[in-house]
Amino acid sequence: MLIDSHCHLDAMEFNQEQEAIIKAALDHGIEKIIVPAVNRKSFDDVIEIRKKFSNCFYALGFHPMHIGDMKDNDLDTLQSYLNTYEPIAVGEIGLDFFFTKDNKSLQEEIFIAQLKLAQAFDLPVIMHVRQAIDDVLKYLRRYPVRGGIAHAFNGSRQQAEAFIQLGFKLGFGGAMTYPRATHIQALAKSLPIESIVLETDAPDIPPSWLGNQGRNTPGELLQIATFFAELRGMNLTSVIEQSHQNTLDALPKIAQLCTLTENLH
């Protein structure tokens, strides 16, 4: 069964529709969905999703595009939540120098603080790395964590290999399905299959078949996996099994929580 390794189910685009969206995803073979928080408000939203839907798992963190909204005590709040609740990772964290470089030093400060929290709680990280990959790698070397996922990867082969050496998986999704995405396709085709996880980033980054008209949901992951299998010349079943295992390897707490739930029943 597939795992959507990155989906913002708490987004306002999905307001009050999560149950139908999750059911549709299950009907398409998407067994589990990872929901990373992006700001303080979404901490509570993603935890609530997990309470309602046992096949959803959450990460807690501050997205670099949301740090302008942070309050002085928000990092303390994150630490408290990591201590109290059961996130599978610290995320979505990272750097984004595409959106703006004006707050570069603040982005880096918040990223480092969250890497230190990931170290303290021995959690992997789910990272946003847009046009900031070398900087992200620099801080990961200074503040090593137990791996995780570089989401929506679009870097060089050398950068990909650097992430892999640091114990990370690389996230591929709708962006690779566009005819002009030859660079992403080349990476998806040639990188070690053990290093790749699949994602939708729903409702963002819709695949090519949706264009600007349709809404991206986790249910699209099956077709993304089919595209990926054809790209690599692989059997779809093998892709599903491998990407499932890769996600569990990147985020091992998923398996622990599933075992705990089974034991409770």
Protein backbone atom coordinates (compact mmCIF):
# COMPACT_ATOMS: atom_id res chain seq x y z
CA MET A 1 0.00 0.00 0.00
CA LEU A 2 1.14 3.53 -0.75
CA ILE A 3 2.08 6.19 1.78
CA ASP A 4 1.66 9.85 0.84
CA SER A 5 4.80 11.15 2.55
CA HIS A 6 3.74 14.81 2.37
CA CYS A 7 0.16 16.13 2.34
CA HIS A 8 -1.34 19.23 3.95
CA LEU A 9 -4.70 17.73 4.89
CA ASP A 10 -5.27 20.59 7.32
CA ALA A 11 -5.19 23.18 4.51
CA MET A 12 -8.22 25.40 4.16
CA GLU A 13 -8.80 23.95 0.67
CA PHE A 14 -9.81 20.69 2.39
CA ASN A 15 -11.91 22.31 5.10
CA GLN A 16 -14.49 19.86 6.53
CA GLU A 17 -13.83 17.40 3.69
CA GLN A 18 -11.02 15.36 5.18
CA GLU A 19 -13.12 12.24 5.73
CA ALA A 20 -14.24 12.07 2.08
CA ILE A 21 -10.71 12.85 0.84
CA ILE A 22 -9.15 10.15 3.02
CA LYS A 23 -11.78 7.60 1.94
CA ALA A 24 -11.13 8.40 -1.73
CA ALA A 25 -7.40 8.00 -1.10
CA LEU A 26 -7.93 4.61 0.55
CA ASP A 27 -10.01 3.55 -2.45
CA HIS A 28 -6.94 4.32 -4.59
CA GLY A 29 -4.63 2.27 -2.38
CA ILE A 30 -3.15 5.12 -0.33
CA GLU A 31 -2.95 3.50 3.08
CA LYS A 32 -1.23 6.20 5.14
CA ILE A 33 -0.89 9.98 4.91
CA ILE A 34 1.80 12.15 6.52
CA VAL A 35 0.56 15.62 7.49
CA PRO A 36 3.29 18.13 8.38
CA ALA A 37 2.40 21.27 10.30
CA VAL A 38 3.53 24.65 8.98
CA ASN A 39 2.73 27.11 11.79
CA ARG A 40 1.51 27.29 15.38
CA LYS A 41 -2.18 27.00 14.50
CA SER A 42 -1.64 23.91 12.42
CA PHE A 43 -0.05 22.07 15.36
CA ASP A 44 -3.50 21.58 16.85
CA ASP A 45 -5.11 20.96 13.46
CA VAL A 46 -2.78 18.12 12.46
CA ILE A 47 -3.04 16.51 15.90
CA GLU A 48 -6.83 16.62 15.58
CA ILE A 49 -6.62 14.92 12.18
CA ARG A 50 -4.59 12.11 13.75
CA LYS A 51 -7.20 11.72 16.51
CA LYS A 52 -9.97 11.34 13.93
CA PHE A 53 -8.13 9.24 11.35
CA SER A 54 -5.74 6.54 12.55
CA ASN A 55 -4.08 6.23 9.12
CA CYS A 56 -2.86 9.85 9.30
CA PHE A 57 0.39 10.80 11.04
CA TYR A 58 1.76 14.26 11.75
CA ALA A 59 4.98 16.21 12.04
CA LEU A 60 5.31 19.44 14.02
CA GLY A 61 7.40 22.43 12.98
CA PHE A 62 7.54 25.92 11.52
CA HIS A 63 7.69 26.26 7.73
CA PRO A 64 10.20 28.90 6.55
CA MET A 65 7.45 30.80 4.72
CA HIS A 66 5.47 31.16 7.96
CA ILE A 67 8.18 32.33 10.35
CA GLY A 68 7.09 35.96 9.98
CA ASP A 69 3.97 35.06 11.97
CA MET A 70 5.86 33.44 14.84
CA LYS A 71 5.53 34.70 18.40
CA ASP A 72 8.45 34.95 20.85
CA ASN A 73 7.50 31.78 22.74
CA ASP A 74 6.61 29.61 19.72
CA LEU A 75 9.82 27.57 19.82
CA ASP A 76 9.12 26.83 23.49
CA THR A 77 5.63 25.75 22.47
CA LEU A 78 7.08 23.44 19.82
CA GLN A 79 9.37 21.88 22.42
CA SER A 80 6.41 21.37 24.75
CA TYR A 81 4.35 19.74 21.99
CA LEU A 82 7.22 17.45 20.98
CA ASN A 83 7.42 16.37 24.61
CA THR A 84 3.66 15.92 25.06
CA TYR A 85 2.38 14.50 21.78
CA GLU A 86 3.58 11.85 19.31
CA PRO A 87 4.83 13.48 16.12
CA ILE A 88 6.70 11.20 13.73
CA ALA A 89 9.09 14.02 12.76
CA VAL A 90 9.94 17.68 13.17
CA GLY A 91 8.50 19.38 10.10
CA GLU A 92 7.83 21.04 7.87
CA ILE A 93 11.03 22.97 8.50
CA GLY A 94 13.85 24.25 6.32
CA LEU A 95 14.83 27.22 4.19
CA ASP A 96 13.19 28.96 1.23
CA PHE A 97 15.28 31.50 -0.66
CA PHE A 98 12.94 31.46 -3.67
CA PHE A 99 10.09 33.16 -1.80
CA THR A 100 12.40 35.70 -0.16
CA LYS A 101 15.99 36.16 0.99
CA ASP A 102 15.16 39.29 2.97
CA ASN A 103 14.79 37.29 6.19
CA LYS A 104 17.63 34.84 5.46
CA SER A 105 19.25 35.16 8.88
CA LEU A 106 15.92 34.66 10.68
CA GLN A 107 15.11 31.62 8.53
CA GLU A 108 18.48 30.14 9.40
CA GLU A 109 18.06 30.91 13.11
CA ILE A 110 14.65 29.18 13.26
CA PHE A 111 15.89 26.24 11.17
CA ILE A 112 18.89 25.68 13.46
CA ALA A 113 16.68 25.89 16.56
CA GLN A 114 14.37 23.23 15.10
CA LEU A 115 17.27 20.98 14.12
CA LYS A 116 18.45 21.18 17.73
CA LEU A 117 14.98 20.14 18.89
CA ALA A 118 15.03 17.21 16.44
CA GLN A 119 18.38 16.22 17.95
CA ALA A 120 17.05 16.50 21.50
CA PHE A 121 13.98 14.35 20.76
CA ASP A 122 15.83 12.00 18.39
CA LEU A 123 13.33 12.67 15.59
CA PRO A 124 13.85 12.81 11.83
CA VAL A 125 12.99 16.01 9.97
CA ILE A 126 10.75 16.76 7.00
CA MET A 127 12.34 19.61 5.10
CA HIS A 128 11.45 22.35 2.66
CA VAL A 129 14.60 23.12 0.65
CA ARG A 130 13.57 25.46 -2.19
CA GLN A 131 16.58 27.21 -3.74
CA ALA A 132 18.46 26.73 -0.47
CA ILE A 133 19.84 23.20 -0.71
CA ASP A 134 23.52 23.98 -0.09
CA ASP A 135 22.60 26.02 2.98
CA VAL A 136 20.33 23.26 4.28
CA LEU A 137 23.10 20.70 3.80
CA LYS A 138 25.56 22.98 5.60
CA TYR A 139 23.35 23.16 8.69
CA LEU A 140 22.56 19.44 8.61
CA ARG A 141 26.29 18.74 8.78
CA ARG A 142 26.65 21.12 11.73
CA TYR A 143 23.56 19.85 13.54
CA PRO A 144 23.15 16.20 12.44
CA VAL A 145 19.75 14.58 12.93
CA ARG A 146 18.48 11.05 12.37
CA GLY A 147 17.66 11.58 8.71
CA GLY A 148 14.22 12.27 7.30
CA ILE A 149 12.93 13.57 3.98
CA ALA A 150 14.02 16.39 1.68
CA HIS A 151 10.57 17.15 0.32
CA ALA A 152 9.91 18.19 -3.33
CA PHE A 153 13.53 17.63 -4.26
CA ASN A 154 14.80 19.56 -7.29
CA GLY A 155 18.52 19.85 -6.71
CA SER A 156 21.57 18.51 -8.49
CA ARG A 157 22.74 14.92 -8.55
CA GLN A 158 25.61 15.89 -6.26
CA GLN A 159 23.22 17.50 -3.76
CA ALA A 160 20.98 14.43 -3.91
CA GLU A 161 23.93 12.20 -3.08
CA ALA A 162 24.88 14.49 -0.20
CA PHE A 163 21.40 14.12 1.32
CA ILE A 164 21.53 10.34 0.85
CA GLN A 165 24.91 10.18 2.60
CA LEU A 166 23.37 12.05 5.54
CA GLY A 167 20.63 9.41 5.79
CA PHE A 168 17.84 11.23 3.98
CA LYS A 169 15.20 10.16 1.49
CA LEU A 170 14.17 12.47 -1.36
CA GLY A 171 10.54 13.31 -2.05
CA PHE A 172 9.15 13.20 -5.61
CA GLY A 173 5.61 14.05 -6.63
CA GLY A 174 3.52 15.95 -9.13
CA ALA A 175 6.36 18.20 -10.32
CA MET A 176 8.06 15.30 -12.11
CA THR A 177 4.96 14.56 -14.25
CA TYR A 178 5.30 17.64 -16.48
CA PRO A 179 6.91 17.21 -19.92
CA ARG A 180 9.38 20.03 -19.27
CA ALA A 181 10.50 18.57 -15.93
CA THR A 182 13.37 16.71 -17.57
CA HIS A 183 15.83 17.38 -14.75
CA ILE A 184 13.50 16.06 -12.02
CA GLN A 185 12.63 13.08 -14.22
CA ALA A 186 16.31 12.29 -14.75
CA LEU A 187 16.85 12.29 -10.98
CA ALA A 188 13.74 10.20 -10.31
CA LYS A 189 14.85 7.72 -12.95
CA SER A 190 18.48 7.35 -11.90
CA LEU A 191 18.78 7.84 -8.14
CA PRO A 192 18.89 4.67 -6.00
CA ILE A 193 15.32 3.43 -5.63
CA GLU A 194 15.96 3.00 -1.88
CA SER A 195 16.42 6.77 -1.55
CA ILE A 196 13.06 7.90 -3.00
CA VAL A 197 9.69 8.49 -1.35
CA LEU A 198 6.51 9.56 -3.12
CA GLU A 199 4.31 12.50 -2.17
CA THR A 200 1.50 14.72 -3.40
CA ASP A 201 2.12 17.89 -1.34
CA ALA A 202 -1.64 18.28 -1.73
CA PRO A 203 -3.25 20.70 -2.25
CA ASP A 204 -0.02 22.19 -3.68
CA ILE A 205 2.06 21.03 -6.70
CA PRO A 206 -0.76 19.40 -8.71
CA PRO A 207 0.37 16.76 -11.23
CA SER A 208 0.24 17.54 -14.95
CA TRP A 209 -3.10 15.82 -15.55
CA LEU A 210 -4.85 18.20 -13.16
CA GLY A 211 -3.28 21.33 -14.62
CA ASN A 212 -4.65 24.48 -13.02
CA GLN A 213 -8.22 23.21 -12.98
CA GLY A 214 -8.42 20.21 -10.67
CA ARG A 215 -7.70 20.04 -6.95
CA ASN A 216 -4.70 18.02 -5.88
CA THR A 217 -5.54 15.41 -3.23
CA PRO A 218 -3.72 12.38 -1.76
CA GLY A 219 -5.78 10.18 -4.10
CA GLU A 220 -3.52 11.33 -6.97
CA LEU A 221 -0.58 9.42 -5.50
CA LEU A 222 -1.47 6.18 -7.30
CA GLN A 223 -1.19 7.88 -10.69
CA ILE A 224 2.03 9.60 -9.57
CA ALA A 225 3.39 6.17 -8.60
CA THR A 226 2.30 4.79 -11.97
CA PHE A 227 4.13 7.61 -13.75
CA PHE A 228 7.22 6.95 -11.64
CA ALA A 229 7.10 3.20 -12.36
CA GLU A 230 6.90 3.83 -16.12
CA LEU A 231 9.74 6.35 -15.88
CA ARG A 232 12.00 3.78 -14.24
CA GLY A 233 10.73 0.81 -16.23
CA MET A 234 9.59 -0.87 -13.03
CA ASN A 235 6.61 -2.94 -12.05
CA LEU A 236 4.03 -0.77 -10.23
CA THR A 237 3.71 -3.27 -7.39
CA SER A 238 7.47 -3.11 -6.81
CA VAL A 239 7.37 0.70 -6.75
CA ILE A 240 4.51 0.68 -4.24
CA GLU A 241 6.30 -1.79 -1.96
CA GLN A 242 9.65 0.00 -2.19
CA SER A 243 8.29 3.52 -1.63
CA HIS A 244 6.24 2.21 1.31
CA GLN A 245 9.35 0.71 2.91
CA ASN A 246 11.44 3.81 2.16
CA THR A 247 8.92 6.03 3.96
CA LEU A 248 8.89 3.73 6.99
CA ASP A 249 12.71 3.78 6.99
CA ALA A 250 12.73 7.59 6.88
CA LEU A 251 10.01 7.94 9.52
CA PRO A 252 10.31 4.86 11.75
CA LYS A 253 7.84 6.09 14.35
CA ILE A 254 5.00 5.31 11.91
CA ALA A 255 5.61 1.58 12.36
CA GLN A 256 5.91 1.99 16.14
CA LEU A 257 2.58 3.82 16.36
CA CYS A 258 0.89 1.24 14.11
CA THR A 259 2.18 -1.60 16.29
CA LEU A 260 0.97 0.23 19.40
CA THR A 261 -2.50 0.70 17.87
CA GLU A 262 -2.67 -2.99 16.91
CA ASN A 263 -1.68 -4.05 20.42
CA LEU A 264 -4.36 -1.83 21.94
CA HIS A 265 -6.93 -3.64 19.85
